[in-house]
Amino acid sequence: MILAVAFPTWLQVGSTIAAAAAAVASWIAVVQARKIAQEAREAEAEAILPLLLVSLNFNLPGVGQPTMGVALYNAGGSVAKNVAVLLVAEDAYARQIVGFLRPGETVTFGSELPATDAARAIAYARTQDGRDLVWNHEGERRELNRPPSGWPAWEATFEVFYSGEDLSDHRPTNLLRGDDRLY
């Protein structure tokens, strides 16, 4: 009969169950620690990426029609390489290649594009580890599937956020620095 088992035997069974419970608790702690460490590594990797903030602006001259411009600010933790910006209006677009943008650096452009509420702007940059990222003026970031080599096409970067919109019927122009020179 089970109840006739001696007290030391019950003591051994109890200690075995307690050891098994401790092993399970230890395993759960290890799993949680790995998850926390992975989240910390991901947060650290995110913090060292460039973060381009794209801001539309409207230039209101004393005489004539208001025009649009765009400003880029690298709020991230590393240099943004191969930076390019594209500003699209109703029937035209302005674009410019910046090159590098260091953390904390801002570059501002004006354009001849007439001011409109329907304007859209995107910025492209390559990270130090070779990822191609695209930001829009609403603060969203997406990754671009990189072409085999070189710079991606303007249309490919624009399509990341505005798929299906064709830029071929838009008039191309360049963005201008604040001193009215091409960048």
N, C-alpha and C. Protein backbone atom coordinates (compact mmCIF):
# COMPACT_ATOMS: atom_id res chain seq x y z
N MET A 1 0.83 -1.16 0.00
CA MET A 1 0.00 0.00 0.00
C MET A 1 0.88 1.24 0.00
N ILE A 2 0.45 2.27 -0.73
CA ILE A 2 1.25 3.47 -0.91
C ILE A 2 1.46 4.20 0.40
N LEU A 3 0.51 4.24 1.24
CA LEU A 3 0.63 4.95 2.51
C LEU A 3 1.63 4.29 3.45
N ALA A 4 1.97 3.06 3.19
CA ALA A 4 2.87 2.35 4.07
C ALA A 4 4.33 2.66 3.77
N VAL A 5 4.60 3.57 2.83
CA VAL A 5 5.97 3.93 2.50
C VAL A 5 6.54 4.73 3.66
N ALA A 6 7.79 4.53 3.92
CA ALA A 6 8.44 5.16 5.06
C ALA A 6 8.61 6.67 4.82
N PHE A 7 8.72 7.39 5.92
CA PHE A 7 8.87 8.83 5.88
C PHE A 7 10.10 9.27 5.08
N PRO A 8 11.25 8.65 5.19
CA PRO A 8 12.41 9.06 4.39
C PRO A 8 12.15 8.96 2.88
N THR A 9 11.34 8.00 2.49
CA THR A 9 11.03 7.88 1.07
C THR A 9 10.20 9.07 0.61
N TRP A 10 9.22 9.47 1.41
CA TRP A 10 8.41 10.64 1.09
C TRP A 10 9.28 11.90 1.07
N LEU A 11 10.23 11.95 1.95
CA LEU A 11 11.14 13.08 1.99
C LEU A 11 11.97 13.16 0.70
N GLN A 12 12.43 12.00 0.21
CA GLN A 12 13.17 11.96 -1.05
C GLN A 12 12.30 12.39 -2.23
N VAL A 13 11.05 11.94 -2.28
CA VAL A 13 10.13 12.32 -3.35
C VAL A 13 9.89 13.82 -3.31
N GLY A 14 9.67 14.36 -2.13
CA GLY A 14 9.44 15.80 -1.99
C GLY A 14 10.64 16.61 -2.43
N SER A 15 11.82 16.19 -2.05
CA SER A 15 13.01 16.94 -2.45
C SER A 15 13.25 16.82 -3.95
N THR A 16 12.91 15.70 -4.54
CA THR A 16 13.04 15.54 -6.00
C THR A 16 12.07 16.49 -6.72
N ILE A 17 10.85 16.59 -6.23
CA ILE A 17 9.86 17.49 -6.82
C ILE A 17 10.32 18.94 -6.66
N ALA A 18 10.85 19.29 -5.50
CA ALA A 18 11.34 20.65 -5.28
C ALA A 18 12.52 20.96 -6.21
N ALA A 19 13.41 20.00 -6.41
CA ALA A 19 14.54 20.20 -7.32
C ALA A 19 14.06 20.37 -8.76
N ALA A 20 13.05 19.60 -9.16
CA ALA A 20 12.49 19.73 -10.51
C ALA A 20 11.85 21.11 -10.68
N ALA A 21 11.11 21.59 -9.67
CA ALA A 21 10.49 22.91 -9.73
C ALA A 21 11.56 24.00 -9.83
N ALA A 22 12.66 23.85 -9.08
CA ALA A 22 13.75 24.82 -9.15
C ALA A 22 14.40 24.81 -10.53
N ALA A 23 14.55 23.63 -11.14
CA ALA A 23 15.12 23.53 -12.48
C ALA A 23 14.23 24.22 -13.51
N VAL A 24 12.91 24.02 -13.39
CA VAL A 24 11.97 24.67 -14.31
C VAL A 24 12.03 26.19 -14.12
N ALA A 25 12.07 26.67 -12.89
CA ALA A 25 12.16 28.10 -12.62
C ALA A 25 13.46 28.68 -13.19
N SER A 26 14.54 27.93 -13.05
CA SER A 26 15.83 28.37 -13.59
C SER A 26 15.77 28.44 -15.12
N TRP A 27 15.15 27.46 -15.75
CA TRP A 27 15.01 27.46 -17.20
C TRP A 27 14.19 28.67 -17.67
N ILE A 28 13.10 28.97 -16.97
CA ILE A 28 12.27 30.12 -17.29
C ILE A 28 13.08 31.41 -17.15
N ALA A 29 13.90 31.52 -16.11
CA ALA A 29 14.73 32.70 -15.91
C ALA A 29 15.75 32.86 -17.04
N VAL A 30 16.33 31.75 -17.50
CA VAL A 30 17.29 31.81 -18.60
C VAL A 30 16.60 32.28 -19.88
N VAL A 31 15.41 31.76 -20.16
CA VAL A 31 14.66 32.17 -21.35
C VAL A 31 14.34 33.66 -21.30
N GLN A 32 13.90 34.14 -20.15
CA GLN A 32 13.60 35.57 -19.99
C GLN A 32 14.85 36.42 -20.14
N ALA A 33 15.96 35.97 -19.58
CA ALA A 33 17.21 36.72 -19.69
C ALA A 33 17.67 36.80 -21.15
N ARG A 34 17.52 35.71 -21.90
CA ARG A 34 17.89 35.73 -23.32
C ARG A 34 17.00 36.69 -24.10
N LYS A 35 15.72 36.71 -23.79
CA LYS A 35 14.79 37.61 -24.47
C LYS A 35 15.15 39.07 -24.18
N ILE A 36 15.44 39.38 -22.93
CA ILE A 36 15.82 40.74 -22.54
C ILE A 36 17.14 41.13 -23.21
N ALA A 37 18.10 40.22 -23.26
CA ALA A 37 19.37 40.51 -23.91
C ALA A 37 19.19 40.75 -25.41
N GLN A 38 18.32 39.97 -26.05
CA GLN A 38 18.04 40.16 -27.48
C GLN A 38 17.39 41.51 -27.73
N GLU A 39 16.44 41.89 -26.89
CA GLU A 39 15.79 43.19 -27.03
C GLU A 39 16.79 44.33 -26.84
N ALA A 40 17.72 44.16 -25.90
CA ALA A 40 18.75 45.18 -25.68
C ALA A 40 19.67 45.29 -26.89
N ARG A 41 20.06 44.15 -27.49
CA ARG A 41 20.90 44.18 -28.69
C ARG A 41 20.17 44.86 -29.85
N GLU A 42 18.87 44.57 -30.01
CA GLU A 42 18.10 45.20 -31.08
C GLU A 42 17.96 46.71 -30.84
N ALA A 43 17.74 47.12 -29.60
CA ALA A 43 17.64 48.55 -29.29
C ALA A 43 18.98 49.25 -29.54
N GLU A 44 20.07 48.59 -29.20
CA GLU A 44 21.40 49.17 -29.44
C GLU A 44 21.67 49.30 -30.94
N ALA A 45 21.31 48.27 -31.70
CA ALA A 45 21.50 48.33 -33.16
C ALA A 45 20.64 49.43 -33.77
N GLU A 46 19.45 49.62 -33.28
CA GLU A 46 18.56 50.68 -33.77
C GLU A 46 19.11 52.06 -33.43
N ALA A 47 19.71 52.18 -32.25
CA ALA A 47 20.22 53.48 -31.81
C ALA A 47 21.42 53.95 -32.62
N ILE A 48 22.16 53.03 -33.22
CA ILE A 48 23.33 53.44 -34.00
C ILE A 48 23.02 53.63 -35.48
N LEU A 49 21.76 53.44 -35.87
CA LEU A 49 21.37 53.70 -37.25
C LEU A 49 21.16 55.20 -37.46
N PRO A 50 21.34 55.67 -38.68
CA PRO A 50 20.94 57.05 -38.95
C PRO A 50 19.42 57.17 -38.86
N LEU A 51 18.95 58.33 -38.51
CA LEU A 51 17.51 58.60 -38.44
C LEU A 51 17.27 59.94 -39.11
N LEU A 52 16.80 59.89 -40.35
CA LEU A 52 16.59 61.13 -41.10
C LEU A 52 15.17 61.63 -40.86
N LEU A 53 15.09 62.85 -40.35
CA LEU A 53 13.81 63.51 -40.19
C LEU A 53 13.63 64.43 -41.39
N VAL A 54 12.57 64.21 -42.12
CA VAL A 54 12.29 64.94 -43.35
C VAL A 54 11.18 65.94 -43.05
N SER A 55 11.45 67.20 -43.30
CA SER A 55 10.48 68.25 -42.97
C SER A 55 10.20 69.11 -44.20
N LEU A 56 8.94 69.16 -44.58
CA LEU A 56 8.53 70.06 -45.67
C LEU A 56 8.46 71.48 -45.13
N ASN A 57 8.82 72.43 -45.95
CA ASN A 57 8.65 73.83 -45.55
C ASN A 57 8.15 74.63 -46.73
N PHE A 58 7.52 75.73 -46.42
CA PHE A 58 6.95 76.60 -47.44
C PHE A 58 7.65 77.94 -47.38
N ASN A 59 8.13 78.40 -48.51
CA ASN A 59 8.83 79.68 -48.61
C ASN A 59 7.83 80.71 -49.09
N LEU A 60 7.61 81.71 -48.27
CA LEU A 60 6.63 82.74 -48.60
C LEU A 60 7.35 84.03 -48.97
N PRO A 61 7.63 84.23 -50.25
CA PRO A 61 8.33 85.45 -50.65
C PRO A 61 7.40 86.65 -50.54
N GLY A 62 7.99 87.83 -50.48
CA GLY A 62 7.19 89.05 -50.41
C GLY A 62 6.37 89.26 -51.67
N VAL A 63 6.91 88.82 -52.80
CA VAL A 63 6.22 88.98 -54.08
C VAL A 63 6.27 87.64 -54.79
N GLY A 64 5.20 87.28 -55.44
CA GLY A 64 5.19 86.04 -56.22
C GLY A 64 4.51 84.90 -55.47
N GLN A 65 4.57 83.76 -56.11
CA GLN A 65 3.90 82.57 -55.61
C GLN A 65 4.76 81.87 -54.55
N PRO A 66 4.13 81.35 -53.48
CA PRO A 66 4.89 80.60 -52.47
C PRO A 66 5.48 79.32 -53.08
N THR A 67 6.66 78.96 -52.63
CA THR A 67 7.32 77.74 -53.10
C THR A 67 7.56 76.80 -51.93
N MET A 68 8.01 75.60 -52.26
CA MET A 68 8.26 74.58 -51.23
C MET A 68 9.75 74.30 -51.10
N GLY A 69 10.09 73.78 -49.95
CA GLY A 69 11.44 73.33 -49.69
C GLY A 69 11.39 72.12 -48.78
N VAL A 70 12.54 71.60 -48.46
CA VAL A 70 12.63 70.44 -47.59
C VAL A 70 13.90 70.55 -46.76
N ALA A 71 13.82 70.08 -45.52
CA ALA A 71 14.99 70.03 -44.63
C ALA A 71 15.19 68.60 -44.17
N LEU A 72 16.45 68.18 -44.08
CA LEU A 72 16.82 66.86 -43.57
C LEU A 72 17.65 67.04 -42.32
N TYR A 73 17.31 66.29 -41.28
CA TYR A 73 18.08 66.32 -40.04
C TYR A 73 18.40 64.89 -39.66
N ASN A 74 19.66 64.59 -39.41
CA ASN A 74 20.06 63.25 -38.98
C ASN A 74 20.01 63.20 -37.46
N ALA A 75 18.93 62.64 -36.93
CA ALA A 75 18.75 62.52 -35.49
C ALA A 75 19.25 61.18 -34.97
N GLY A 76 19.89 60.40 -35.82
CA GLY A 76 20.36 59.08 -35.44
C GLY A 76 21.74 59.10 -34.83
N GLY A 77 22.28 57.91 -34.63
CA GLY A 77 23.55 57.76 -33.95
C GLY A 77 24.73 57.49 -34.86
N SER A 78 24.53 57.50 -36.18
CA SER A 78 25.66 57.27 -37.08
C SER A 78 25.50 58.08 -38.36
N VAL A 79 26.55 58.07 -39.13
CA VAL A 79 26.57 58.81 -40.39
C VAL A 79 25.63 58.14 -41.39
N ALA A 80 24.84 58.95 -42.07
CA ALA A 80 24.01 58.47 -43.17
C ALA A 80 24.81 58.65 -44.44
N LYS A 81 25.00 57.58 -45.19
CA LYS A 81 25.79 57.63 -46.42
C LYS A 81 24.86 57.67 -47.63
N ASN A 82 25.36 58.20 -48.73
CA ASN A 82 24.63 58.24 -50.01
C ASN A 82 23.26 58.88 -49.86
N VAL A 83 23.17 59.91 -49.07
CA VAL A 83 21.88 60.56 -48.80
C VAL A 83 21.37 61.25 -50.06
N ALA A 84 20.08 61.07 -50.32
CA ALA A 84 19.41 61.73 -51.43
C ALA A 84 18.01 62.11 -50.96
N VAL A 85 17.48 63.19 -51.53
CA VAL A 85 16.16 63.67 -51.13
C VAL A 85 15.34 63.94 -52.39
N LEU A 86 14.04 63.65 -52.29
CA LEU A 86 13.12 63.84 -53.41
C LEU A 86 11.86 64.52 -52.89
N LEU A 87 11.49 65.63 -53.52
CA LEU A 87 10.31 66.41 -53.16
C LEU A 87 9.37 66.38 -54.36
N VAL A 88 8.15 65.89 -54.17
CA VAL A 88 7.21 65.72 -55.27
C VAL A 88 6.00 66.61 -55.06
N ALA A 89 5.68 67.40 -56.09
CA ALA A 89 4.49 68.25 -56.07
C ALA A 89 3.47 67.64 -57.03
N GLU A 90 2.46 68.42 -57.39
CA GLU A 90 1.38 67.90 -58.22
C GLU A 90 1.84 67.50 -59.62
N ASP A 91 2.68 68.33 -60.27
CA ASP A 91 3.08 68.02 -61.64
C ASP A 91 4.59 68.08 -61.86
N ALA A 92 5.34 68.20 -60.79
CA ALA A 92 6.80 68.29 -60.90
C ALA A 92 7.45 67.69 -59.66
N TYR A 93 8.74 67.43 -59.78
CA TYR A 93 9.49 66.97 -58.61
C TYR A 93 10.87 67.59 -58.63
N ALA A 94 11.42 67.74 -57.43
CA ALA A 94 12.78 68.27 -57.27
C ALA A 94 13.58 67.23 -56.51
N ARG A 95 14.81 67.05 -56.89
CA ARG A 95 15.64 66.02 -56.27
C ARG A 95 17.06 66.52 -56.12
N GLN A 96 17.78 65.90 -55.20
CA GLN A 96 19.18 66.27 -55.00
C GLN A 96 19.90 65.17 -54.23
N ILE A 97 21.14 64.97 -54.57
CA ILE A 97 22.01 64.05 -53.84
C ILE A 97 22.81 64.86 -52.84
N VAL A 98 22.80 64.43 -51.60
CA VAL A 98 23.50 65.14 -50.52
C VAL A 98 24.87 64.53 -50.28
N GLY A 99 24.98 63.22 -50.27
CA GLY A 99 26.23 62.55 -49.95
C GLY A 99 26.18 61.99 -48.55
N PHE A 100 26.87 62.64 -47.61
CA PHE A 100 26.90 62.21 -46.21
C PHE A 100 26.15 63.20 -45.34
N LEU A 101 25.56 62.67 -44.27
CA LEU A 101 24.91 63.52 -43.28
C LEU A 101 25.29 62.97 -41.91
N ARG A 102 26.11 63.71 -41.17
CA ARG A 102 26.58 63.26 -39.86
C ARG A 102 25.47 63.39 -38.81
N PRO A 103 25.59 62.66 -37.70
CA PRO A 103 24.59 62.81 -36.64
C PRO A 103 24.51 64.26 -36.17
N GLY A 104 23.30 64.77 -36.05
CA GLY A 104 23.08 66.14 -35.60
C GLY A 104 23.17 67.17 -36.71
N GLU A 105 23.50 66.76 -37.91
CA GLU A 105 23.65 67.70 -39.02
C GLU A 105 22.33 67.90 -39.75
N THR A 106 22.10 69.13 -40.21
CA THR A 106 20.90 69.49 -40.96
C THR A 106 21.29 70.09 -42.29
N VAL A 107 20.55 69.78 -43.33
CA VAL A 107 20.72 70.41 -44.62
C VAL A 107 19.33 70.85 -45.08
N THR A 108 19.25 72.07 -45.59
CA THR A 108 17.97 72.65 -45.99
C THR A 108 18.01 73.02 -47.46
N PHE A 109 16.94 72.74 -48.16
CA PHE A 109 16.83 73.03 -49.58
C PHE A 109 15.57 73.83 -49.86
N GLY A 110 15.65 74.64 -50.88
CA GLY A 110 14.48 75.31 -51.43
C GLY A 110 14.25 74.76 -52.83
N SER A 111 13.16 75.14 -53.44
CA SER A 111 12.89 74.69 -54.79
C SER A 111 12.05 75.74 -55.51
N GLU A 112 11.84 75.51 -56.77
CA GLU A 112 10.96 76.37 -57.56
C GLU A 112 9.56 75.78 -57.64
N LEU A 113 9.33 74.66 -56.94
CA LEU A 113 8.01 74.01 -57.00
C LEU A 113 6.98 74.87 -56.28
N PRO A 114 5.82 75.06 -56.88
CA PRO A 114 4.78 75.83 -56.21
C PRO A 114 4.29 75.11 -54.96
N ALA A 115 4.02 75.86 -53.92
CA ALA A 115 3.56 75.29 -52.66
C ALA A 115 2.21 74.60 -52.85
N THR A 116 2.07 73.42 -52.26
CA THR A 116 0.84 72.66 -52.34
C THR A 116 0.70 71.78 -51.10
N ASP A 117 -0.54 71.54 -50.69
CA ASP A 117 -0.78 70.64 -49.56
C ASP A 117 -0.57 69.18 -49.95
N ALA A 118 -0.54 68.89 -51.24
CA ALA A 118 -0.39 67.52 -51.71
C ALA A 118 1.08 67.11 -51.88
N ALA A 119 2.00 67.89 -51.39
CA ALA A 119 3.43 67.59 -51.55
C ALA A 119 3.82 66.37 -50.73
N ARG A 120 4.80 65.64 -51.26
CA ARG A 120 5.35 64.48 -50.57
C ARG A 120 6.86 64.55 -50.68
N ALA A 121 7.54 64.16 -49.62
CA ALA A 121 9.00 64.17 -49.64
C ALA A 121 9.52 62.87 -49.05
N ILE A 122 10.60 62.38 -49.61
CA ILE A 122 11.26 61.19 -49.09
C ILE A 122 12.77 61.44 -49.06
N ALA A 123 13.44 60.72 -48.20
CA ALA A 123 14.90 60.77 -48.13
C ALA A 123 15.42 59.35 -48.12
N TYR A 124 16.52 59.14 -48.79
CA TYR A 124 17.16 57.83 -48.88
C TYR A 124 18.54 57.93 -48.24
N ALA A 125 18.96 56.86 -47.57
CA ALA A 125 20.32 56.79 -47.04
C ALA A 125 20.74 55.33 -46.91
N ARG A 126 22.03 55.13 -46.98
CA ARG A 126 22.61 53.80 -46.75
C ARG A 126 23.31 53.84 -45.40
N THR A 127 23.11 52.79 -44.60
CA THR A 127 23.71 52.73 -43.27
C THR A 127 25.16 52.24 -43.38
N GLN A 128 25.86 52.28 -42.26
CA GLN A 128 27.25 51.81 -42.23
C GLN A 128 27.35 50.33 -42.58
N ASP A 129 26.31 49.55 -42.24
CA ASP A 129 26.35 48.12 -42.53
C ASP A 129 25.71 47.78 -43.88
N GLY A 130 25.41 48.79 -44.70
CA GLY A 130 24.96 48.55 -46.06
C GLY A 130 23.46 48.43 -46.26
N ARG A 131 22.67 48.69 -45.24
CA ARG A 131 21.21 48.65 -45.42
C ARG A 131 20.74 49.93 -46.09
N ASP A 132 19.77 49.80 -46.98
CA ASP A 132 19.20 50.95 -47.68
C ASP A 132 17.87 51.30 -47.03
N LEU A 133 17.78 52.51 -46.49
CA LEU A 133 16.59 52.95 -45.76
C LEU A 133 15.98 54.17 -46.45
N VAL A 134 14.65 54.26 -46.37
CA VAL A 134 13.92 55.38 -46.95
C VAL A 134 12.97 55.91 -45.88
N TRP A 135 12.94 57.24 -45.72
CA TRP A 135 12.05 57.91 -44.77
C TRP A 135 11.10 58.80 -45.56
N ASN A 136 9.90 58.98 -45.04
CA ASN A 136 9.00 59.96 -45.66
C ASN A 136 8.84 61.15 -44.72
N HIS A 137 8.12 62.16 -45.16
CA HIS A 137 7.97 63.39 -44.37
C HIS A 137 7.01 63.21 -43.20
N GLU A 138 6.40 62.05 -43.08
CA GLU A 138 5.52 61.76 -41.95
C GLU A 138 6.23 60.99 -40.85
N GLY A 139 7.54 60.81 -40.98
CA GLY A 139 8.33 60.18 -39.94
C GLY A 139 8.42 58.66 -40.02
N GLU A 140 7.93 58.06 -41.07
CA GLU A 140 8.01 56.61 -41.21
C GLU A 140 9.32 56.21 -41.89
N ARG A 141 9.81 55.01 -41.54
CA ARG A 141 11.02 54.48 -42.15
C ARG A 141 10.73 53.08 -42.68
N ARG A 142 11.24 52.81 -43.86
CA ARG A 142 11.12 51.48 -44.46
C ARG A 142 12.46 51.11 -45.09
N GLU A 143 12.66 49.81 -45.24
CA GLU A 143 13.89 49.33 -45.85
C GLU A 143 13.66 49.07 -47.33
N LEU A 144 14.64 49.42 -48.14
CA LEU A 144 14.58 49.27 -49.58
C LEU A 144 15.35 48.03 -49.97
N ASN A 145 14.76 47.21 -50.82
CA ASN A 145 15.51 46.08 -51.36
C ASN A 145 16.51 46.65 -52.35
N ARG A 146 17.77 46.55 -52.00
CA ARG A 146 18.84 47.23 -52.74
C ARG A 146 19.09 46.58 -54.09
N PRO A 147 19.31 47.41 -55.10
CA PRO A 147 19.72 46.87 -56.40
C PRO A 147 21.12 46.27 -56.28
N PRO A 148 21.58 45.52 -57.28
CA PRO A 148 22.88 44.84 -57.18
C PRO A 148 24.04 45.76 -56.81
N SER A 149 24.10 46.98 -57.35
CA SER A 149 25.17 47.90 -56.99
C SER A 149 24.74 49.32 -57.29
N GLY A 150 25.43 50.25 -56.69
CA GLY A 150 25.18 51.65 -56.98
C GLY A 150 23.95 52.22 -56.29
N TRP A 151 23.55 53.38 -56.78
CA TRP A 151 22.41 54.10 -56.22
C TRP A 151 21.11 53.52 -56.74
N PRO A 152 20.09 53.47 -55.93
CA PRO A 152 18.78 53.05 -56.45
C PRO A 152 18.17 54.17 -57.29
N ALA A 153 17.26 53.82 -58.15
CA ALA A 153 16.59 54.81 -58.99
C ALA A 153 15.66 55.66 -58.13
N TRP A 154 15.46 56.91 -58.55
CA TRP A 154 14.57 57.80 -57.82
C TRP A 154 13.18 57.19 -57.71
N GLU A 155 12.72 56.59 -58.79
CA GLU A 155 11.39 55.99 -58.79
C GLU A 155 11.29 54.84 -57.77
N ALA A 156 12.37 54.07 -57.64
CA ALA A 156 12.36 52.95 -56.69
C ALA A 156 12.27 53.44 -55.25
N THR A 157 12.96 54.52 -54.94
CA THR A 157 12.88 55.03 -53.57
C THR A 157 11.51 55.66 -53.30
N PHE A 158 10.95 56.34 -54.29
CA PHE A 158 9.63 56.95 -54.12
C PHE A 158 8.56 55.88 -53.98
N GLU A 159 8.73 54.78 -54.70
CA GLU A 159 7.75 53.69 -54.69
C GLU A 159 7.66 52.98 -53.34
N VAL A 160 8.68 53.10 -52.53
CA VAL A 160 8.66 52.46 -51.21
C VAL A 160 7.45 52.94 -50.41
N PHE A 161 7.12 54.22 -50.50
CA PHE A 161 5.96 54.76 -49.77
C PHE A 161 4.76 55.03 -50.66
N TYR A 162 4.99 55.33 -51.91
CA TYR A 162 3.91 55.73 -52.80
C TYR A 162 3.89 54.80 -54.02
N SER A 163 3.60 53.54 -53.79
CA SER A 163 3.63 52.56 -54.87
C SER A 163 2.50 52.84 -55.86
N GLY A 164 2.78 52.57 -57.09
CA GLY A 164 1.80 52.75 -58.13
C GLY A 164 1.74 54.15 -58.70
N GLU A 165 2.42 55.11 -58.09
CA GLU A 165 2.42 56.48 -58.61
C GLU A 165 3.59 56.64 -59.57
N ASP A 166 3.30 57.07 -60.75
CA ASP A 166 4.29 57.19 -61.80
C ASP A 166 4.83 58.62 -61.85
N LEU A 167 6.15 58.77 -61.79
CA LEU A 167 6.78 60.08 -61.84
C LEU A 167 7.15 60.51 -63.25
N SER A 168 6.92 59.64 -64.24
CA SER A 168 7.38 59.95 -65.60
C SER A 168 6.65 61.15 -66.21
N ASP A 169 5.44 61.44 -65.75
CA ASP A 169 4.73 62.59 -66.31
C ASP A 169 4.96 63.87 -65.51
N HIS A 170 5.84 63.80 -64.48
CA HIS A 170 6.19 64.97 -63.69
C HIS A 170 7.41 65.66 -64.29
N ARG A 171 7.47 66.95 -64.20
CA ARG A 171 8.61 67.73 -64.69
C ARG A 171 9.73 67.66 -63.64
N PRO A 172 10.96 67.20 -64.02
CA PRO A 172 12.06 67.13 -63.05
C PRO A 172 12.78 68.47 -62.90
N THR A 173 13.26 68.73 -61.69
CA THR A 173 14.07 69.90 -61.41
C THR A 173 14.97 69.55 -60.22
N ASN A 174 15.84 70.45 -59.84
CA ASN A 174 16.76 70.21 -58.72
C ASN A 174 16.35 71.02 -57.50
N LEU A 175 16.70 70.49 -56.35
CA LEU A 175 16.56 71.27 -55.12
C LEU A 175 17.73 72.24 -55.04
N LEU A 176 17.52 73.37 -54.40
CA LEU A 176 18.55 74.40 -54.27
C LEU A 176 18.87 74.63 -52.81
N ARG A 177 20.14 74.86 -52.53
CA ARG A 177 20.52 75.22 -51.16
C ARG A 177 19.97 76.59 -50.84
N GLY A 178 20.03 76.95 -49.58
CA GLY A 178 19.52 78.25 -49.15
C GLY A 178 20.14 79.43 -49.87
N ASP A 179 21.35 79.27 -50.41
CA ASP A 179 21.99 80.38 -51.12
C ASP A 179 21.74 80.30 -52.63
N ASP A 180 20.73 79.53 -53.04
CA ASP A 180 20.28 79.38 -54.43
C ASP A 180 21.31 78.72 -55.35
N ARG A 181 22.25 78.01 -54.77
CA ARG A 181 23.19 77.24 -55.59
C ARG A 181 22.77 75.78 -55.54
N LEU A 182 23.08 75.06 -56.60
CA LEU A 182 22.86 73.62 -56.55
C LEU A 182 23.75 73.04 -55.47
N TYR A 183 23.27 72.09 -54.77
CA TYR A 183 24.05 71.48 -53.68
C TYR A 183 25.25 70.79 -54.23
